[in-house]
Amino acid sequence: MAVIAPPPPSAPTPPLPITTTLLETNPIRNLIFARIRLATNFNVPHIQKLIHQMVVFERLTHLFSTIESSFFATLFNFIPF
């Protein structure tokens, strides 16, 4: 039976300089901005589609059934502020 030698020790990773920022280490330099606002009744079809896509992704379609009117009644039955 042959004896297997242990793997060679790994070389230590050199530390990053303290002056390095996130943008200097990130090869993708595109910044993404988003604005969050209150939903309106015109957003109900988009909200329903988003939730349906999440349900499909999680494979829970057997538990999900809704119509736009139920979303509208649930989300917009009161004044927000």
C-alpha atoms as a PDB file:
ATOM      1  CA  MET A   1       0.000   0.000   0.000  1.00  0.00           C
ATOM      2  CA  ALA A   2       1.355   3.426  -0.992  1.00  0.00           C
ATOM      3  CA  VAL A   3       1.643   6.218   1.520  1.00  0.00           C
ATOM      4  CA  ILE A   4      -0.037   9.464   0.473  1.00  0.00           C
ATOM      5  CA  ALA A   5       1.876  12.619   1.253  1.00  0.00           C
ATOM      6  CA  PRO A   6      -0.020  15.488   2.881  1.00  0.00           C
ATOM      7  CA  PRO A   7      -0.906  18.451   0.645  1.00  0.00           C
ATOM      8  CA  PRO A   8       1.590  21.301   0.570  1.00  0.00           C
ATOM      9  CA  PRO A   9       0.826  24.225   2.870  1.00  0.00           C
ATOM     10  CA  SER A  10      -1.156  26.999   1.235  1.00  0.00           C
ATOM     11  CA  ALA A  11       0.466  30.358   0.701  1.00  0.00           C
ATOM     12  CA  PRO A  12      -0.950  33.093   2.931  1.00  0.00           C
ATOM     13  CA  THR A  13      -3.120  35.659   1.191  1.00  0.00           C
ATOM     14  CA  PRO A  14      -1.504  39.080   1.199  1.00  0.00           C
ATOM     15  CA  PRO A  15      -3.596  41.608   3.132  1.00  0.00           C
ATOM     16  CA  LEU A  16      -5.237  44.472   1.268  1.00  0.00           C
ATOM     17  CA  PRO A  17      -3.763  47.898   1.889  1.00  0.00           C
ATOM     18  CA  ILE A  18      -5.753  50.006   4.335  1.00  0.00           C
ATOM     19  CA  THR A  19      -6.280  52.716   1.698  1.00  0.00           C
ATOM     20  CA  THR A  20      -8.097  50.319  -0.669  1.00  0.00           C
ATOM     21  CA  THR A  21     -11.771  51.169  -0.997  1.00  0.00           C
ATOM     22  CA  LEU A  22     -14.646  49.022  -2.175  1.00  0.00           C
ATOM     23  CA  LEU A  23     -14.645  50.667  -5.610  1.00  0.00           C
ATOM     24  CA  GLU A  24     -10.943  49.955  -6.059  1.00  0.00           C
ATOM     25  CA  THR A  25     -11.379  46.232  -5.343  1.00  0.00           C
ATOM     26  CA  ASN A  26     -14.665  45.852  -7.252  1.00  0.00           C
ATOM     27  CA  PRO A  27     -14.125  45.277 -10.991  1.00  0.00           C
ATOM     28  CA  ILE A  28     -17.689  46.368 -11.789  1.00  0.00           C
ATOM     29  CA  ARG A  29     -17.908  50.102 -11.292  1.00  0.00           C
ATOM     30  CA  ASN A  30     -21.576  50.655 -12.181  1.00  0.00           C
ATOM     31  CA  LEU A  31     -23.557  52.053  -9.297  1.00  0.00           C
ATOM     32  CA  ILE A  32     -27.202  51.099  -8.893  1.00  0.00           C
ATOM     33  CA  PHE A  33     -29.734  53.490  -7.447  1.00  0.00           C
ATOM     34  CA  ALA A  34     -33.306  52.658  -6.443  1.00  0.00           C
ATOM     35  CA  ARG A  35     -36.192  54.722  -5.157  1.00  0.00           C
ATOM     36  CA  ILE A  36     -38.832  53.221  -2.898  1.00  0.00           C
ATOM     37  CA  ARG A  37     -42.269  54.793  -2.860  1.00  0.00           C
ATOM     38  CA  LEU A  38     -45.733  53.922  -1.634  1.00  0.00           C
ATOM     39  CA  ALA A  39     -47.668  51.595  -3.911  1.00  0.00           C
ATOM     40  CA  THR A  40     -50.885  52.765  -5.512  1.00  0.00           C
ATOM     41  CA  ASN A  41     -53.872  50.891  -6.841  1.00  0.00           C
ATOM     42  CA  PHE A  42     -52.270  51.092 -10.308  1.00  0.00           C
ATOM     43  CA  ASN A  43     -49.445  48.858  -9.008  1.00  0.00           C
ATOM     44  CA  VAL A  44     -51.692  45.949  -8.027  1.00  0.00           C
ATOM     45  CA  PRO A  45     -51.147  43.948 -11.266  1.00  0.00           C
ATOM     46  CA  HIS A  46     -47.374  44.306 -10.872  1.00  0.00           C
ATOM     47  CA  ILE A  47     -47.469  43.307  -7.203  1.00  0.00           C
ATOM     48  CA  GLN A  48     -49.582  40.262  -8.042  1.00  0.00           C
ATOM     49  CA  LYS A  49     -47.194  39.264 -10.835  1.00  0.00           C
ATOM     50  CA  LEU A  50     -44.176  39.663  -8.540  1.00  0.00           C
ATOM     51  CA  ILE A  51     -45.732  37.502  -5.827  1.00  0.00           C
ATOM     52  CA  HIS A  52     -46.810  34.895  -8.393  1.00  0.00           C
ATOM     53  CA  GLN A  53     -43.255  34.704  -9.765  1.00  0.00           C
ATOM     54  CA  MET A  54     -41.921  34.226  -6.223  1.00  0.00           C
ATOM     55  CA  VAL A  55     -44.450  31.441  -5.621  1.00  0.00           C
ATOM     56  CA  VAL A  56     -43.433  29.698  -8.849  1.00  0.00           C
ATOM     57  CA  PHE A  57     -39.759  30.009  -7.913  1.00  0.00           C
ATOM     58  CA  GLU A  58     -40.410  28.514  -4.466  1.00  0.00           C
ATOM     59  CA  ARG A  59     -42.580  25.775  -6.032  1.00  0.00           C
ATOM     60  CA  LEU A  60     -45.600  26.674  -3.916  1.00  0.00           C
ATOM     61  CA  THR A  61     -48.148  27.118  -6.694  1.00  0.00           C
ATOM     62  CA  HIS A  62     -50.444  24.560  -5.081  1.00  0.00           C
ATOM     63  CA  LEU A  63     -50.825  26.962  -2.115  1.00  0.00           C
ATOM     64  CA  PHE A  64     -51.320  30.196  -4.059  1.00  0.00           C
ATOM     65  CA  SER A  65     -54.518  31.459  -5.623  1.00  0.00           C
ATOM     66  CA  THR A  66     -55.599  35.059  -5.793  1.00  0.00           C
ATOM     67  CA  ILE A  67     -57.231  37.656  -7.970  1.00  0.00           C
ATOM     68  CA  GLU A  68     -56.431  41.339  -8.364  1.00  0.00           C
ATOM     69  CA  SER A  69     -59.513  42.417  -6.444  1.00  0.00           C
ATOM     70  CA  SER A  70     -58.375  40.503  -3.348  1.00  0.00           C
ATOM     71  CA  PHE A  71     -54.983  42.266  -3.498  1.00  0.00           C
ATOM     72  CA  PHE A  72     -56.692  45.612  -3.912  1.00  0.00           C
ATOM     73  CA  ALA A  73     -59.010  44.965  -0.968  1.00  0.00           C
ATOM     74  CA  THR A  74     -56.141  43.800   1.244  1.00  0.00           C
ATOM     75  CA  LEU A  75     -53.567  46.455   0.387  1.00  0.00           C
ATOM     76  CA  PHE A  76     -55.688  49.576  -0.100  1.00  0.00           C
ATOM     77  CA  ASN A  77     -58.583  49.392   2.342  1.00  0.00           C
ATOM     78  CA  PHE A  78     -57.221  52.229   4.537  1.00  0.00           C
ATOM     79  CA  ILE A  79     -55.494  55.590   4.251  1.00  0.00           C
ATOM     80  CA  PRO A  80     -51.709  55.015   4.651  1.00  0.00           C
ATOM     81  CA  PHE A  81     -50.840  58.012   6.848  1.00  0.00           C
END
